[in-house]
Structure formats: structure tokens, C-alpha cells
PDB file of N, CA and C in Angstrom:
ATOM      1  N   UNK A   1       6.386  88.976 -27.422  1.00  0.00           N
ATOM      2  CA  UNK A   1       6.976  88.913 -28.386  1.00  0.00           C
ATOM      3  C   UNK A   1       8.314  87.417 -28.838  1.00  0.00           C
ATOM      4  N   UNK A   2       8.681  87.478 -29.778  1.00  0.00           N
ATOM      5  CA  UNK A   2      10.368  86.295 -29.127  1.00  0.00           C
ATOM      6  C   UNK A   2      11.374  87.360 -29.088  1.00  0.00           C
ATOM      7  N   UNK A   3      12.281  86.487 -28.731  1.00  0.00           N
ATOM      8  CA  UNK A   3      14.031  87.129 -28.679  1.00  0.00           C
ATOM      9  C   UNK A   3      14.667  86.083 -30.043  1.00  0.00           C
ATOM     10  N   UNK A   4      15.488  86.567 -30.549  1.00  0.00           N
ATOM     11  CA  UNK A   4      16.164  85.792 -31.319  1.00  0.00           C
ATOM     12  C   UNK A   4      18.072  86.369 -30.943  1.00  0.00           C
ATOM     13  N   UNK A   5      18.728  85.575 -31.544  1.00  0.00           N
ATOM     14  CA  UNK A   5      20.477  86.287 -31.274  1.00  0.00           C
ATOM     15  C   UNK A   5      21.133  85.639 -32.809  1.00  0.00           C
ATOM     16  N   UNK A   6      22.005  85.982 -33.170  1.00  0.00           N
ATOM     17  CA  UNK A   6      22.494  85.292 -33.958  1.00  0.00           C
ATOM     18  C   UNK A   6      23.760  85.762 -33.436  1.00  0.00           C
ATOM     19  N   UNK A   7      25.181  84.499 -33.457  1.00  0.00           N
ATOM     20  CA  UNK A   7      26.598  85.129 -33.550  1.00  0.00           C
ATOM     21  C   UNK A   7      27.195  84.590 -34.977  1.00  0.00           C
ATOM     22  N   UNK A   8      27.832  85.408 -35.590  1.00  0.00           N
ATOM     23  CA  UNK A   8      28.452  85.052 -36.979  1.00  0.00           C
ATOM     24  C   UNK A   8      29.784  84.347 -36.715  1.00  0.00           C
ATOM     25  N   UNK A   9      30.378  83.584 -37.630  1.00  0.00           N
ATOM     26  CA  UNK A   9      31.138  82.691 -37.200  1.00  0.00           C
ATOM     27  C   UNK A   9      32.246  83.257 -36.941  1.00  0.00           C
ATOM     28  N   UNK A  10      32.601  84.615 -37.341  1.00  0.00           N
ATOM     29  CA  UNK A  10      33.521  85.205 -37.156  1.00  0.00           C
ATOM     30  C   UNK A  10      33.639  86.223 -35.641  1.00  0.00           C
ATOM     31  N   UNK A  11      32.655  85.851 -34.749  1.00  0.00           N
ATOM     32  CA  UNK A  11      32.526  86.656 -33.192  1.00  0.00           C
ATOM     33  C   UNK A  11      32.286  85.243 -32.640  1.00  0.00           C
ATOM     34  N   UNK A  12      32.641  83.745 -33.416  1.00  0.00           N
ATOM     35  CA  UNK A  12      32.726  82.544 -32.049  1.00  0.00           C
ATOM     36  C   UNK A  12      34.012  81.898 -32.440  1.00  0.00           C
ATOM     37  N   UNK A  13      33.941  81.131 -31.221  1.00  0.00           N
ATOM     38  CA  UNK A  13      36.187  80.901 -31.003  1.00  0.00           C
ATOM     39  C   UNK A  13      35.896  80.091 -32.082  1.00  0.00           C
ATOM     40  N   UNK A  14      35.002  78.905 -32.622  1.00  0.00           N
ATOM     41  CA  UNK A  14      34.725  77.773 -33.643  1.00  0.00           C
ATOM     42  C   UNK A  14      34.948  78.276 -34.739  1.00  0.00           C
ATOM     43  N   UNK A  15      34.554  79.411 -35.376  1.00  0.00           N
ATOM     44  CA  UNK A  15      34.408  79.902 -36.734  1.00  0.00           C
ATOM     45  C   UNK A  15      32.791  79.824 -36.829  1.00  0.00           C
ATOM     46  N   UNK A  16      31.866  78.804 -36.200  1.00  0.00           N
ATOM     47  CA  UNK A  16      30.460  78.354 -36.520  1.00  0.00           C
ATOM     48  C   UNK A  16      29.575  79.406 -36.183  1.00  0.00           C
ATOM     49  N   UNK A  17      28.757  79.767 -37.781  1.00  0.00           N
ATOM     50  CA  UNK A  17      27.555  80.895 -36.621  1.00  0.00           C
ATOM     51  C   UNK A  17      25.940  79.845 -35.787  1.00  0.00           C
ATOM     52  N   UNK A  18      25.866  80.664 -35.012  1.00  0.00           N
ATOM     53  CA  UNK A  18      25.263  80.036 -34.099  1.00  0.00           C
ATOM     54  C   UNK A  18      23.516  80.902 -34.144  1.00  0.00           C
ATOM     55  N   UNK A  19      22.499  80.516 -33.983  1.00  0.00           N
ATOM     56  CA  UNK A  19      21.740  80.776 -33.644  1.00  0.00           C
ATOM     57  C   UNK A  19      20.545  80.483 -32.712  1.00  0.00           C
ATOM     58  N   UNK A  20      20.017  81.621 -31.970  1.00  0.00           N
ATOM     59  CA  UNK A  20      19.119  81.145 -30.797  1.00  0.00           C
ATOM     60  C   UNK A  20      17.905  81.571 -30.846  1.00  0.00           C
ATOM     61  N   UNK A  21      16.552  81.216 -30.674  1.00  0.00           N
ATOM     62  CA  UNK A  21      15.501  81.723 -30.405  1.00  0.00           C
ATOM     63  C   UNK A  21      14.626  80.555 -29.670  1.00  0.00           C
ATOM     64  N   UNK A  22      13.997  82.281 -28.672  1.00  0.00           N
ATOM     65  CA  UNK A  22      13.113  81.295 -28.095  1.00  0.00           C
ATOM     66  C   UNK A  22      11.501  82.142 -28.594  1.00  0.00           C
ATOM     67  N   UNK A  23      10.309  80.986 -28.003  1.00  0.00           N
ATOM     68  CA  UNK A  23       9.031  81.227 -28.352  1.00  0.00           C
ATOM     69  C   UNK A  23       8.096  81.244 -27.318  1.00  0.00           C
ATOM     70  N   UNK A  24       7.255  82.457 -27.931  1.00  0.00           N
ATOM     71  CA  UNK A  24       6.178  82.814 -26.495  1.00  0.00           C
ATOM     72  C   UNK A  24       4.936  82.621 -26.820  1.00  0.00           C
ATOM     73  N   UNK A  25       5.049  81.093 -27.061  1.00  0.00           N
ATOM     74  CA  UNK A  25       3.576  81.004 -27.501  1.00  0.00           C
ATOM     75  C   UNK A  25       2.948  80.274 -26.291  1.00  0.00           C
ATOM     76  N   UNK A  26       1.368  80.023 -26.205  1.00  0.00           N
ATOM     77  CA  UNK A  26       0.906  79.692 -24.943  1.00  0.00           C
ATOM     78  C   UNK A  26       1.598  78.515 -23.830  1.00  0.00           C
ATOM     79  N   UNK A  27       1.653  78.561 -22.767  1.00  0.00           N
ATOM     80  CA  UNK A  27       2.400  78.099 -22.087  1.00  0.00           C
ATOM     81  C   UNK A  27       1.659  76.590 -22.159  1.00  0.00           C
ATOM     82  N   UNK A  28       0.896  76.485 -22.186  1.00  0.00           N
ATOM     83  CA  UNK A  28       0.154  74.677 -22.527  1.00  0.00           C
ATOM     84  C   UNK A  28       0.314  74.575 -24.173  1.00  0.00           C
ATOM     85  N   UNK A  29       0.673  75.147 -24.764  1.00  0.00           N
ATOM     86  CA  UNK A  29       0.415  74.378 -26.344  1.00  0.00           C
ATOM     87  C   UNK A  29       2.126  74.147 -26.295  1.00  0.00           C
ATOM     88  N   UNK A  30       1.666  72.452 -27.468  1.00  0.00           N
ATOM     89  CA  UNK A  30       3.352  71.873 -27.555  1.00  0.00           C
ATOM     90  C   UNK A  30       3.729  72.535 -28.353  1.00  0.00           C
ATOM     91  N   UNK A  31       5.532  72.482 -28.478  1.00  0.00           N
ATOM     92  CA  UNK A  31       5.875  72.515 -29.343  1.00  0.00           C
ATOM     93  C   UNK A  31       7.064  71.292 -30.085  1.00  0.00           C
ATOM     94  N   UNK A  32       5.996  70.485 -31.480  1.00  0.00           N
ATOM     95  CA  UNK A  32       6.663  69.078 -32.092  1.00  0.00           C
ATOM     96  C   UNK A  32       8.088  69.893 -32.275  1.00  0.00           C
ATOM     97  N   UNK A  33       9.259  68.960 -32.440  1.00  0.00           N
ATOM     98  CA  UNK A  33      10.307  69.075 -33.234  1.00  0.00           C
ATOM     99  C   UNK A  33      10.178  67.954 -34.338  1.00  0.00           C
ATOM    100  N   UNK A  34      10.134  68.280 -35.363  1.00  0.00           N
ATOM    101  CA  UNK A  34      10.306  67.212 -36.498  1.00  0.00           C
ATOM    102  C   UNK A  34      11.185  67.506 -37.314  1.00  0.00           C
ATOM    103  N   UNK A  35      11.977  66.106 -38.317  1.00  0.00           N
ATOM    104  CA  UNK A  35      12.814  66.093 -39.346  1.00  0.00           C
ATOM    105  C   UNK A  35      11.861  65.785 -40.432  1.00  0.00           C
ATOM    106  N   UNK A  36      11.538  66.378 -41.137  1.00  0.00           N
ATOM    107  CA  UNK A  36      11.022  66.044 -42.555  1.00  0.00           C
ATOM    108  C   UNK A  36      12.107  65.754 -43.718  1.00  0.00           C
ATOM    109  N   UNK A  37      12.150  64.578 -44.223  1.00  0.00           N
ATOM    110  CA  UNK A  37      12.807  64.051 -45.300  1.00  0.00           C
ATOM    111  C   UNK A  37      12.938  64.899 -46.716  1.00  0.00           C
ATOM    112  N   UNK A  38      14.312  64.633 -47.499  1.00  0.00           N
ATOM    113  CA  UNK A  38      14.125  65.562 -48.598  1.00  0.00           C
ATOM    114  C   UNK A  38      13.121  64.868 -49.552  1.00  0.00           C
ATOM    115  N   UNK A  39      12.578  65.346 -50.363  1.00  0.00           N
ATOM    116  CA  UNK A  39      11.419  64.799 -51.043  1.00  0.00           C
ATOM    117  C   UNK A  39      11.009  65.051 -52.588  1.00  0.00           C
ATOM    118  N   UNK A  40      10.793  64.402 -53.769  1.00  0.00           N
ATOM    119  CA  UNK A  40      10.370  64.851 -54.992  1.00  0.00           C
ATOM    120  C   UNK A  40       9.048  64.718 -54.512  1.00  0.00           C
ATOM    121  N   UNK A  41       8.859  65.441 -55.624  1.00  0.00           N
ATOM    122  CA  UNK A  41       6.561  65.625 -55.564  1.00  0.00           C
ATOM    123  C   UNK A  41       6.727  66.064 -56.746  1.00  0.00           C
ATOM    124  N   UNK A  42       5.254  65.432 -57.443  1.00  0.00           N
ATOM    125  CA  UNK A  42       4.658  65.462 -58.546  1.00  0.00           C
ATOM    126  C   UNK A  42       4.105  66.705 -59.371  1.00  0.00           C
ATOM    127  N   UNK A  43       4.173  66.935 -60.568  1.00  0.00           N
ATOM    128  CA  UNK A  43       4.319  68.160 -61.249  1.00  0.00           C
ATOM    129  C   UNK A  43       2.714  68.736 -60.402  1.00  0.00           C
ATOM    130  N   UNK A  44       1.163  67.819 -60.477  1.00  0.00           N
ATOM    131  CA  UNK A  44       0.529  68.736 -59.732  1.00  0.00           C
ATOM    132  C   UNK A  44       0.030  68.587 -58.030  1.00  0.00           C
ATOM    133  N   UNK A  45       1.193  68.463 -57.823  1.00  0.00           N
ATOM    134  CA  UNK A  45       1.084  68.147 -56.427  1.00  0.00           C
ATOM    135  C   UNK A  45       0.768  69.731 -55.652  1.00  0.00           C
ATOM    136  N   UNK A  46      -0.493  69.658 -54.354  1.00  0.00           N
ATOM    137  CA  UNK A  46      -0.423  71.179 -53.532  1.00  0.00           C
ATOM    138  C   UNK A  46      -0.033  70.662 -52.323  1.00  0.00           C
ATOM    139  N   UNK A  47       0.380  71.663 -51.124  1.00  0.00           N
ATOM    140  CA  UNK A  47       0.459  71.460 -50.212  1.00  0.00           C
ATOM    141  C   UNK A  47      -0.384  72.418 -48.987  1.00  0.00           C
ATOM    142  N   UNK A  48      -0.819  71.409 -48.191  1.00  0.00           N
ATOM    143  CA  UNK A  48      -2.068  72.121 -47.610  1.00  0.00           C
ATOM    144  C   UNK A  48      -1.509  73.662 -46.367  1.00  0.00           C
ATOM    145  N   UNK A  49      -1.276  74.693 -46.347  1.00  0.00           N
ATOM    146  CA  UNK A  49      -0.846  75.795 -45.526  1.00  0.00           C
ATOM    147  C   UNK A  49      -1.627  75.472 -44.685  1.00  0.00           C
ATOM    148  N   UNK A  50      -0.897  76.557 -43.533  1.00  0.00           N
ATOM    149  CA  UNK A  50      -2.813  76.545 -42.022  1.00  0.00           C
ATOM    150  C   UNK A  50      -3.443  76.782 -42.605  1.00  0.00           C
ATOM    151  N   UNK A  51      -3.790  77.703 -43.758  1.00  0.00           N
ATOM    152  CA  UNK A  51      -5.683  78.435 -44.032  1.00  0.00           C
ATOM    153  C   UNK A  51      -5.556  78.625 -45.440  1.00  0.00           C
ATOM    154  N   UNK A  52      -5.096  77.994 -46.286  1.00  0.00           N
ATOM    155  CA  UNK A  52      -4.795  77.599 -48.121  1.00  0.00           C
ATOM    156  C   UNK A  52      -4.000  76.543 -48.333  1.00  0.00           C
ATOM    157  N   UNK A  53      -4.291  76.278 -49.473  1.00  0.00           N
ATOM    158  CA  UNK A  53      -3.070  75.625 -50.356  1.00  0.00           C
ATOM    159  C   UNK A  53      -2.543  75.787 -51.243  1.00  0.00           C
ATOM    160  N   UNK A  54      -1.697  75.506 -51.511  1.00  0.00           N
ATOM    161  CA  UNK A  54      -0.529  76.435 -53.032  1.00  0.00           C
ATOM    162  C   UNK A  54       0.023  75.219 -53.539  1.00  0.00           C
ATOM    163  N   UNK A  55       0.425  75.384 -54.801  1.00  0.00           N
ATOM    164  CA  UNK A  55       1.654  74.445 -55.638  1.00  0.00           C
ATOM    165  C   UNK A  55       2.296  74.215 -54.996  1.00  0.00           C
ATOM    166  N   UNK A  56       3.120  72.778 -54.728  1.00  0.00           N
ATOM    167  CA  UNK A  56       4.086  72.021 -54.047  1.00  0.00           C
ATOM    168  C   UNK A  56       5.317  72.145 -55.011  1.00  0.00           C
ATOM    169  N   UNK A  57       6.196  72.839 -54.185  1.00  0.00           N
ATOM    170  CA  UNK A  57       7.636  72.737 -55.204  1.00  0.00           C
ATOM    171  C   UNK A  57       8.169  71.318 -55.507  1.00  0.00           C
ATOM    172  N   UNK A  58       8.456  70.898 -56.729  1.00  0.00           N
ATOM    173  CA  UNK A  58       9.283  69.578 -57.441  1.00  0.00           C
ATOM    174  C   UNK A  58      10.127  68.845 -56.566  1.00  0.00           C
ATOM    175  N   UNK A  59      10.539  69.338 -55.544  1.00  0.00           N
ATOM    176  CA  UNK A  59      11.632  69.122 -54.843  1.00  0.00           C
ATOM    177  C   UNK A  59      11.794  69.967 -53.193  1.00  0.00           C
ATOM    178  N   UNK A  60      11.726  69.546 -52.157  1.00  0.00           N
ATOM    179  CA  UNK A  60      11.767  70.291 -51.178  1.00  0.00           C
ATOM    180  C   UNK A  60      12.936  69.571 -50.315  1.00  0.00           C
ATOM    181  N   UNK A  61      13.884  70.637 -49.538  1.00  0.00           N
ATOM    182  CA  UNK A  61      14.641  69.841 -48.624  1.00  0.00           C
ATOM    183  C   UNK A  61      14.548  68.761 -47.483  1.00  0.00           C
ATOM    184  N   UNK A  62      15.228  68.962 -46.993  1.00  0.00           N
ATOM    185  CA  UNK A  62      15.382  67.779 -45.761  1.00  0.00           C
ATOM    186  C   UNK A  62      15.258  69.065 -44.901  1.00  0.00           C
ATOM    187  N   UNK A  63      14.387  68.904 -43.810  1.00  0.00           N
ATOM    188  CA  UNK A  63      14.340  70.088 -42.858  1.00  0.00           C
ATOM    189  C   UNK A  63      13.950  69.626 -40.989  1.00  0.00           C
ATOM    190  N   UNK A  64      14.468  70.531 -40.154  1.00  0.00           N
ATOM    191  CA  UNK A  64      14.591  70.461 -38.814  1.00  0.00           C
ATOM    192  C   UNK A  64      13.187  71.494 -38.765  1.00  0.00           C
ATOM    193  N   UNK A  65      12.509  71.539 -37.900  1.00  0.00           N
ATOM    194  CA  UNK A  65      11.436  72.381 -37.865  1.00  0.00           C
ATOM    195  C   UNK A  65      11.270  72.120 -36.113  1.00  0.00           C
ATOM    196  N   UNK A  66      10.907  73.330 -35.420  1.00  0.00           N
ATOM    197  CA  UNK A  66      10.194  73.434 -34.223  1.00  0.00           C
ATOM    198  C   UNK A  66       8.712  74.595 -34.666  1.00  0.00           C
ATOM    199  N   UNK A  67       7.594  73.485 -34.421  1.00  0.00           N
ATOM    200  CA  UNK A  67       6.270  74.318 -34.577  1.00  0.00           C
ATOM    201  C   UNK A  67       5.437  73.720 -33.552  1.00  0.00           C
ATOM    202  N   UNK A  68       4.469  74.502 -34.000  1.00  0.00           N
ATOM    203  CA  UNK A  68       3.220  74.530 -33.031  1.00  0.00           C
ATOM    204  C   UNK A  68       2.403  73.594 -33.172  1.00  0.00           C
ATOM    205  N   UNK A  69       1.862  72.591 -32.386  1.00  0.00           N
ATOM    206  CA  UNK A  69       1.455  70.665 -32.787  1.00  0.00           C
ATOM    207  C   UNK A  69       0.275  71.241 -33.680  1.00  0.00           C
ATOM    208  N   UNK A  70      -0.769  71.986 -33.582  1.00  0.00           N
ATOM    209  CA  UNK A  70      -1.900  71.931 -34.901  1.00  0.00           C
ATOM    210  C   UNK A  70      -1.041  72.740 -35.986  1.00  0.00           C
ATOM    211  N   UNK A  71      -0.350  73.342 -36.265  1.00  0.00           N
ATOM    212  CA  UNK A  71       0.269  73.850 -37.443  1.00  0.00           C
ATOM    213  C   UNK A  71       0.914  73.537 -38.803  1.00  0.00           C
ATOM    214  N   UNK A  72       1.105  73.944 -40.014  1.00  0.00           N
ATOM    215  CA  UNK A  72       2.027  73.664 -40.732  1.00  0.00           C
ATOM    216  C   UNK A  72       3.053  74.714 -40.896  1.00  0.00           C
ATOM    217  N   UNK A  73       3.199  75.481 -40.362  1.00  0.00           N
ATOM    218  CA  UNK A  73       4.394  76.606 -40.315  1.00  0.00           C
ATOM    219  C   UNK A  73       5.370  75.786 -39.218  1.00  0.00           C
ATOM    220  N   UNK A  74       5.920  76.309 -38.833  1.00  0.00           N
ATOM    221  CA  UNK A  74       6.865  76.661 -37.731  1.00  0.00           C
ATOM    222  C   UNK A  74       8.023  77.803 -37.082  1.00  0.00           C
ATOM    223  N   UNK A  75       7.672  77.860 -35.701  1.00  0.00           N
ATOM    224  CA  UNK A  75       8.493  79.020 -35.419  1.00  0.00           C
ATOM    225  C   UNK A  75       9.726  79.080 -36.052  1.00  0.00           C
ATOM    226  N   UNK A  76      10.167  78.314 -36.010  1.00  0.00           N
ATOM    227  CA  UNK A  76      11.926  78.330 -36.164  1.00  0.00           C
ATOM    228  C   UNK A  76      12.950  76.365 -37.137  1.00  0.00           C
ATOM    229  N   UNK A  77      13.588  76.911 -37.907  1.00  0.00           N
ATOM    230  CA  UNK A  77      13.961  75.493 -38.573  1.00  0.00           C
ATOM    231  C   UNK A  77      15.434  75.654 -38.745  1.00  0.00           C
ATOM    232  N   UNK A  78      15.899  74.546 -39.955  1.00  0.00           N
ATOM    233  CA  UNK A  78      17.224  74.535 -40.530  1.00  0.00           C
ATOM    234  C   UNK A  78      16.954  73.449 -41.468  1.00  0.00           C
ATOM    235  N   UNK A  79      17.236  73.783 -42.693  1.00  0.00           N
ATOM    236  CA  UNK A  79      17.725  73.009 -43.823  1.00  0.00           C
ATOM    237  C   UNK A  79      18.918  72.361 -44.019  1.00  0.00           C
ATOM    238  N   UNK A  80      19.288  71.034 -44.612  1.00  0.00           N
ATOM    239  CA  UNK A  80      20.382  70.239 -45.011  1.00  0.00           C
ATOM    240  C   UNK A  80      21.443  71.533 -45.758  1.00  0.00           C
ATOM    241  N   UNK A  81      21.007  72.874 -46.228  1.00  0.00           N
ATOM    242  CA  UNK A  81      21.869  73.592 -46.622  1.00  0.00           C
ATOM    243  C   UNK A  81      21.979  74.511 -46.037  1.00  0.00           C
ATOM    244  N   UNK A  82      21.836  74.355 -44.627  1.00  0.00           N
ATOM    245  CA  UNK A  82      22.114  75.007 -43.583  1.00  0.00           C
ATOM    246  C   UNK A  82      21.968  76.797 -43.662  1.00  0.00           C
ATOM    247  N   UNK A  83      20.545  77.353 -44.050  1.00  0.00           N
ATOM    248  CA  UNK A  83      20.103  77.686 -43.934  1.00  0.00           C
ATOM    249  C   UNK A  83      18.583  77.909 -42.876  1.00  0.00           C
ATOM    250  N   UNK A  84      18.826  78.673 -41.799  1.00  0.00           N
ATOM    251  CA  UNK A  84      17.837  78.582 -40.520  1.00  0.00           C
ATOM    252  C   UNK A  84      17.296  80.273 -40.635  1.00  0.00           C
ATOM    253  N   UNK A  85      15.561  79.851 -40.296  1.00  0.00           N
ATOM    254  CA  UNK A  85      15.315  81.062 -40.151  1.00  0.00           C
ATOM    255  C   UNK A  85      14.635  80.491 -39.310  1.00  0.00           C
ATOM    256  N   UNK A  86      14.318  81.882 -38.111  1.00  0.00           N
ATOM    257  CA  UNK A  86      13.141  81.963 -36.905  1.00  0.00           C
ATOM    258  C   UNK A  86      12.254  83.452 -37.121  1.00  0.00           C
ATOM    259  N   UNK A  87      10.996  82.920 -36.968  1.00  0.00           N
ATOM    260  CA  UNK A  87       9.984  83.940 -37.175  1.00  0.00           C
ATOM    261  C   UNK A  87      10.065  85.041 -35.642  1.00  0.00           C
ATOM    262  N   UNK A  88       9.643  86.236 -36.100  1.00  0.00           N
ATOM    263  CA  UNK A  88       9.119  87.654 -34.810  1.00  0.00           C
ATOM    264  C   UNK A  88       8.304  88.098 -35.363  1.00  0.00           C
ATOM    265  N   UNK A  89       7.037  87.957 -33.979  1.00  0.00           N
ATOM    266  CA  UNK A  89       5.902  88.234 -34.263  1.00  0.00           C
ATOM    267  C   UNK A  89       5.965  90.036 -34.492  1.00  0.00           C
ATOM    268  N   UNK A  90       4.912  90.628 -34.830  1.00  0.00           N
ATOM    269  CA  UNK A  90       4.933  92.102 -34.849  1.00  0.00           C
ATOM    270  C   UNK A  90       3.287  92.097 -35.328  1.00  0.00           C
ATOM    271  N   UNK A  91       2.688  92.941 -33.923  1.00  0.00           N
ATOM    272  CA  UNK A  91       1.501  93.062 -33.630  1.00  0.00           C
ATOM    273  C   UNK A  91       1.016  94.019 -34.687  1.00  0.00           C
ATOM    274  N   UNK A  92      -0.148  94.327 -34.687  1.00  0.00           N
ATOM    275  CA  UNK A  92      -0.988  95.295 -35.654  1.00  0.00           C
ATOM    276  C   UNK A  92      -2.043  95.823 -35.286  1.00  0.00           C
ATOM    277  N   UNK A  93      -3.048  96.826 -35.397  1.00  0.00           N
ATOM    278  CA  UNK A  93      -4.074  97.109 -35.136  1.00  0.00           C
ATOM    279  C   UNK A  93      -4.901  96.937 -36.430  1.00  0.00           C
ATOM    280  N   UNK A  94      -3.981  96.883 -37.688  1.00  0.00           N
ATOM    281  CA  UNK A  94      -5.127  96.646 -38.518  1.00  0.00           C
ATOM    282  C   UNK A  94      -5.544  95.232 -39.103  1.00  0.00           C
ATOM    283  N   UNK A  95      -6.682  94.975 -39.176  1.00  0.00           N
ATOM    284  CA  UNK A  95      -7.511  93.997 -39.816  1.00  0.00           C
ATOM    285  C   UNK A  95      -6.863  92.855 -41.016  1.00  0.00           C
ATOM    286  N   UNK A  96      -6.618  91.793 -41.553  1.00  0.00           N
ATOM    287  CA  UNK A  96      -6.299  91.321 -42.248  1.00  0.00           C
ATOM    288  C   UNK A  96      -7.549  91.292 -43.977  1.00  0.00           C
ATOM    289  N   UNK A  97      -6.456  92.077 -44.766  1.00  0.00           N
ATOM    290  CA  UNK A  97      -8.217  91.918 -45.834  1.00  0.00           C
ATOM    291  C   UNK A  97      -8.726  90.698 -46.153  1.00  0.00           C
ATOM    292  N   UNK A  98      -7.560  89.446 -46.416  1.00  0.00           N
ATOM    293  CA  UNK A  98      -8.203  88.077 -46.685  1.00  0.00           C
ATOM    294  C   UNK A  98      -6.969  86.930 -46.188  1.00  0.00           C
ATOM    295  N   UNK A  99      -7.689  86.151 -46.269  1.00  0.00           N
ATOM    296  CA  UNK A  99      -6.577  84.826 -45.482  1.00  0.00           C
ATOM    297  C   UNK A  99      -5.954  84.517 -46.570  1.00  0.00           C
ATOM    298  N   UNK A 100      -4.444  84.274 -45.905  1.00  0.00           N
ATOM    299  CA  UNK A 100      -3.455  84.276 -46.554  1.00  0.00           C
ATOM    300  C   UNK A 100      -2.180  83.605 -45.944  1.00  0.00           C
ATOM    301  N   UNK A 101      -0.637  82.986 -46.285  1.00  0.00           N
ATOM    302  CA  UNK A 101      -0.186  82.383 -46.040  1.00  0.00           C
ATOM    303  C   UNK A 101      -0.190  83.072 -44.169  1.00  0.00           C
ATOM    304  N   UNK A 102       0.291  82.580 -43.301  1.00  0.00           N
ATOM    305  CA  UNK A 102       1.222  82.662 -42.171  1.00  0.00           C
ATOM    306  C   UNK A 102       2.462  83.399 -42.103  1.00  0.00           C
ATOM    307  N   UNK A 103       3.247  83.937 -41.301  1.00  0.00           N
ATOM    308  CA  UNK A 103       4.496  84.086 -40.937  1.00  0.00           C
ATOM    309  C   UNK A 103       5.102  82.503 -40.756  1.00  0.00           C
ATOM    310  N   UNK A 104       4.565  81.687 -40.236  1.00  0.00           N
ATOM    311  CA  UNK A 104       5.347  80.688 -40.001  1.00  0.00           C
ATOM    312  C   UNK A 104       4.925  79.787 -40.820  1.00  0.00           C
ATOM    313  N   UNK A 105       4.053  79.679 -41.632  1.00  0.00           N
ATOM    314  CA  UNK A 105       4.022  79.233 -43.098  1.00  0.00           C
ATOM    315  C   UNK A 105       5.161  79.279 -44.134  1.00  0.00           C
ATOM    316  N   UNK A 106       5.575  81.026 -43.834  1.00  0.00           N
ATOM    317  CA  UNK A 106       6.779  81.288 -44.603  1.00  0.00           C
ATOM    318  C   UNK A 106       7.651  80.945 -44.023  1.00  0.00           C
ATOM    319  N   UNK A 107       7.995  80.668 -43.396  1.00  0.00           N
ATOM    320  CA  UNK A 107       9.474  79.897 -42.411  1.00  0.00           C
ATOM    321  C   UNK A 107       9.349  78.577 -43.238  1.00  0.00           C
ATOM    322  N   UNK A 108       8.333  77.763 -43.010  1.00  0.00           N
ATOM    323  CA  UNK A 108       8.376  76.346 -43.263  1.00  0.00           C
ATOM    324  C   UNK A 108       9.013  76.145 -44.754  1.00  0.00           C
ATOM    325  N   UNK A 109       7.868  76.403 -45.507  1.00  0.00           N
ATOM    326  CA  UNK A 109       7.935  76.907 -47.234  1.00  0.00           C
ATOM    327  C   UNK A 109       9.563  77.330 -47.381  1.00  0.00           C
ATOM    328  N   UNK A 110       9.651  78.307 -47.253  1.00  0.00           N
ATOM    329  CA  UNK A 110      11.934  78.991 -47.562  1.00  0.00           C
ATOM    330  C   UNK A 110      12.539  77.967 -47.298  1.00  0.00           C
ATOM    331  N   UNK A 111      12.655  77.449 -45.761  1.00  0.00           N
ATOM    332  CA  UNK A 111      13.142  76.493 -45.696  1.00  0.00           C
ATOM    333  C   UNK A 111      13.448  74.899 -46.912  1.00  0.00           C
ATOM    334  N   UNK A 112      11.954  74.662 -46.942  1.00  0.00           N
ATOM    335  CA  UNK A 112      11.976  73.638 -47.801  1.00  0.00           C
ATOM    336  C   UNK A 112      12.041  74.003 -49.231  1.00  0.00           C
ATOM    337  N   UNK A 113      12.329  74.997 -50.124  1.00  0.00           N
ATOM    338  CA  UNK A 113      12.687  75.354 -51.213  1.00  0.00           C
ATOM    339  C   UNK A 113      13.640  76.708 -51.243  1.00  0.00           C
ATOM    340  N   UNK A 114      14.520  76.641 -50.759  1.00  0.00           N
ATOM    341  CA  UNK A 114      15.663  77.422 -50.541  1.00  0.00           C
ATOM    342  C   UNK A 114      17.395  76.294 -50.578  1.00  0.00           C
ATOM    343  N   UNK A 115      17.737  77.289 -51.350  1.00  0.00           N
ATOM    344  CA  UNK A 115      19.254  76.608 -51.216  1.00  0.00           C
ATOM    345  C   UNK A 115      20.176  77.425 -50.317  1.00  0.00           C
ATOM    346  N   UNK A 116      19.925  78.476 -50.325  1.00  0.00           N
ATOM    347  CA  UNK A 116      20.909  80.173 -49.946  1.00  0.00           C
ATOM    348  C   UNK A 116      19.962  80.660 -48.975  1.00  0.00           C
ATOM    349  N   UNK A 117      20.250  82.019 -48.432  1.00  0.00           N
ATOM    350  CA  UNK A 117      19.411  82.741 -47.694  1.00  0.00           C
ATOM    351  C   UNK A 117      19.095  83.420 -48.614  1.00  0.00           C
ATOM    352  N   UNK A 118      19.507  83.770 -49.849  1.00  0.00           N
ATOM    353  CA  UNK A 118      19.065  84.602 -50.158  1.00  0.00           C
ATOM    354  C   UNK A 118      17.503  84.104 -51.578  1.00  0.00           C
ATOM    355  N   UNK A 119      18.226  83.020 -51.560  1.00  0.00           N
ATOM    356  CA  UNK A 119      16.889  81.999 -52.243  1.00  0.00           C
ATOM    357  C   UNK A 119      15.730  82.674 -51.271  1.00  0.00           C
ATOM    358  N   UNK A 120      15.391  81.957 -49.539  1.00  0.00           N
ATOM    359  CA  UNK A 120      14.585  81.797 -48.748  1.00  0.00           C
ATOM    360  C   UNK A 120      14.422  83.193 -49.303  1.00  0.00           C
ATOM    361  N   UNK A 121      14.973  84.540 -49.140  1.00  0.00           N
ATOM    362  CA  UNK A 121      14.106  85.813 -48.965  1.00  0.00           C
ATOM    363  C   UNK A 121      13.333  86.204 -50.095  1.00  0.00           C
ATOM    364  N   UNK A 122      13.830  85.504 -51.395  1.00  0.00           N
ATOM    365  CA  UNK A 122      13.014  85.560 -52.620  1.00  0.00           C
ATOM    366  C   UNK A 122      12.158  84.914 -52.896  1.00  0.00           C
TER     367      UNK A 122
END
């Protein structure tokens, strides 16, 4: 399981919010750091996530992502609007009913499509 830490601006000397996260992936699995530019998309564009495709947003924000080399999604990242997200693994014994978006897919999609933390949640 991963560990994350956040220090809000009110708790830091300079007034900046700080975010940190580790990634408990396999030791030999490369983690790439990518910057994807802001981009406008065509109305019928789709995006290939880890296991399925979904409609693309009309515009995606500039994002910095830390992601396993083989995956669409990201362990953590930030966008040009100051939204920062990191995932945490939750282990379960239940089997999924069907293929869907991974938690890491949701991290990337939320960062690309939101201007605020509230928008990312919604």
C-alpha cells in the first residue's frame, strides 16, 4: 500500500501546500514522468484508457504525471490549475463484475478534465 502526505499552506512556513507520495509498485517496474500539453480535441474523439475506451473531453489540461510505463493512468500528478491527485491502493477479496476504469485511469482523467479539486471529485 502507498503512503501520502499533505501539508496545507497554513502549516508551512512559506504558505505553500505540499504533497508527497510513494509508489509501492514492483521494484523492476519503470515509473515514467511525463508532461502532456493542454490540448483541444474533436467532438467525436475517444481516449483509450487501460482497459476500455471512453469519449474524450473537448479540451484537456496540461498535466504532469508519474505513471507505470505500460499504463494509461497515473499513480500521481498535477495539472496547470494546481489540482494534485495521488492514488492509494485498497485491497479487497471481491472480484470485479466487469472491466472498467482503474483508479489510476481516474487520476489521469480527473487531472486532465478539472480546474478545481471539487471538479475532480465530480
